[in-house]
Amino acid sequence: MSSVSNMSDEAARNKKIEEIKSALENGTYKIKPEEIAKKMIEEMRG
């Protein structure tokens, strides 16, 4: 069962990557500094 879950997780990840690539190519990708800062702080806190 976990291999099916891993495959769907990978498919979802690949879809998200393609969406980001497309947005970058089109110039429509929005950088969210607040989200980046929040994630950085979460990572530093552990």
N, C-alpha and C. Protein backbone atom coordinates (compact mmCIF):
# COMPACT_ATOMS: atom_id res chain seq x y z
N MET A 1 0.82 -1.20 0.00
CA MET A 1 0.00 0.00 0.00
C MET A 1 0.86 1.25 0.00
N SER A 2 2.00 1.23 0.71
CA SER A 2 2.83 2.43 0.79
C SER A 2 3.47 2.77 -0.55
N SER A 3 3.73 1.77 -1.40
CA SER A 3 4.29 2.07 -2.71
C SER A 3 3.29 2.82 -3.58
N VAL A 4 2.01 2.52 -3.43
CA VAL A 4 0.97 3.26 -4.16
C VAL A 4 0.93 4.70 -3.65
N SER A 5 1.01 4.85 -2.34
CA SER A 5 1.01 6.18 -1.74
C SER A 5 2.22 6.97 -2.20
N ASN A 6 3.38 6.33 -2.23
CA ASN A 6 4.60 6.99 -2.68
C ASN A 6 4.49 7.41 -4.14
N MET A 7 3.87 6.58 -4.96
CA MET A 7 3.70 6.91 -6.37
C MET A 7 2.79 8.12 -6.53
N SER A 8 1.70 8.17 -5.75
CA SER A 8 0.78 9.30 -5.86
C SER A 8 1.43 10.56 -5.30
N ASP A 9 2.24 10.42 -4.26
CA ASP A 9 2.98 11.57 -3.72
C ASP A 9 3.95 12.09 -4.75
N GLU A 10 4.64 11.19 -5.43
CA GLU A 10 5.59 11.59 -6.46
C GLU A 10 4.88 12.24 -7.63
N ALA A 11 3.73 11.72 -8.02
CA ALA A 11 2.96 12.31 -9.12
C ALA A 11 2.50 13.71 -8.75
N ALA A 12 2.06 13.88 -7.51
CA ALA A 12 1.62 15.21 -7.05
C ALA A 12 2.79 16.17 -7.02
N ARG A 13 3.93 15.69 -6.58
CA ARG A 13 5.14 16.52 -6.53
C ARG A 13 5.55 16.94 -7.94
N ASN A 14 5.55 15.98 -8.86
CA ASN A 14 5.91 16.28 -10.24
C ASN A 14 4.95 17.28 -10.87
N LYS A 15 3.67 17.16 -10.56
CA LYS A 15 2.68 18.10 -11.09
C LYS A 15 2.97 19.51 -10.58
N LYS A 16 3.27 19.61 -9.29
CA LYS A 16 3.57 20.92 -8.68
C LYS A 16 4.82 21.52 -9.32
N ILE A 17 5.83 20.70 -9.56
CA ILE A 17 7.06 21.17 -10.20
C ILE A 17 6.77 21.70 -11.59
N GLU A 18 5.95 20.98 -12.34
CA GLU A 18 5.60 21.43 -13.70
C GLU A 18 4.82 22.74 -13.66
N GLU A 19 3.94 22.89 -12.68
CA GLU A 19 3.18 24.14 -12.54
C GLU A 19 4.12 25.31 -12.25
N ILE A 20 5.10 25.08 -11.38
CA ILE A 20 6.05 26.14 -11.04
C ILE A 20 6.92 26.48 -12.25
N LYS A 21 7.39 25.45 -12.96
CA LYS A 21 8.20 25.70 -14.16
C LYS A 21 7.43 26.53 -15.17
N SER A 22 6.18 26.18 -15.38
CA SER A 22 5.34 26.90 -16.32
C SER A 22 5.16 28.35 -15.90
N ALA A 23 4.90 28.57 -14.62
CA ALA A 23 4.72 29.93 -14.11
C ALA A 23 6.01 30.74 -14.26
N LEU A 24 7.15 30.10 -14.02
CA LEU A 24 8.43 30.79 -14.20
C LEU A 24 8.64 31.20 -15.65
N GLU A 25 8.34 30.27 -16.55
CA GLU A 25 8.51 30.55 -17.98
C GLU A 25 7.57 31.67 -18.45
N ASN A 26 6.37 31.71 -17.89
CA ASN A 26 5.38 32.72 -18.28
C ASN A 26 5.54 34.04 -17.56
N GLY A 27 6.42 34.06 -16.55
CA GLY A 27 6.60 35.27 -15.77
C GLY A 27 5.48 35.54 -14.79
N THR A 28 4.73 34.50 -14.44
CA THR A 28 3.59 34.68 -13.53
C THR A 28 3.84 34.10 -12.14
N TYR A 29 5.04 33.58 -11.90
CA TYR A 29 5.34 33.00 -10.59
C TYR A 29 5.48 34.10 -9.56
N LYS A 30 4.73 34.01 -8.49
CA LYS A 30 4.76 35.01 -7.43
C LYS A 30 5.57 34.50 -6.25
N ILE A 31 6.58 35.25 -5.87
CA ILE A 31 7.39 34.91 -4.71
C ILE A 31 6.69 35.50 -3.48
N LYS A 32 6.59 34.69 -2.44
CA LYS A 32 5.90 35.10 -1.22
C LYS A 32 6.92 35.16 -0.08
N PRO A 33 7.54 36.34 0.13
CA PRO A 33 8.60 36.45 1.14
C PRO A 33 8.16 36.05 2.54
N GLU A 34 6.92 36.33 2.90
CA GLU A 34 6.43 35.97 4.23
C GLU A 34 6.43 34.45 4.42
N GLU A 35 6.00 33.73 3.39
CA GLU A 35 5.98 32.27 3.47
C GLU A 35 7.39 31.71 3.57
N ILE A 36 8.30 32.28 2.79
CA ILE A 36 9.69 31.83 2.81
C ILE A 36 10.29 32.05 4.20
N ALA A 37 10.09 33.24 4.75
CA ALA A 37 10.62 33.55 6.08
C ALA A 37 10.04 32.61 7.13
N LYS A 38 8.74 32.36 7.05
CA LYS A 38 8.08 31.47 8.01
C LYS A 38 8.68 30.06 7.95
N LYS A 39 8.87 29.54 6.74
CA LYS A 39 9.44 28.20 6.57
C LYS A 39 10.88 28.15 7.08
N MET A 40 11.65 29.22 6.82
CA MET A 40 13.03 29.27 7.29
C MET A 40 13.08 29.22 8.82
N ILE A 41 12.21 29.98 9.46
CA ILE A 41 12.17 29.99 10.93
C ILE A 41 11.76 28.63 11.46
N GLU A 42 10.77 28.00 10.84
CA GLU A 42 10.34 26.66 11.26
C GLU A 42 11.48 25.66 11.15
N GLU A 43 12.25 25.75 10.06
CA GLU A 43 13.38 24.83 9.87
C GLU A 43 14.46 25.07 10.92
N MET A 44 14.74 26.32 11.24
CA MET A 44 15.77 26.63 12.23
C MET A 44 15.36 26.16 13.62
N ARG A 45 14.08 26.23 13.92
CA ARG A 45 13.58 25.80 15.23
C ARG A 45 13.56 24.29 15.36
N GLY A 46 13.47 23.62 14.22
CA GLY A 46 13.49 22.17 14.22
C GLY A 46 12.22 21.53 14.39
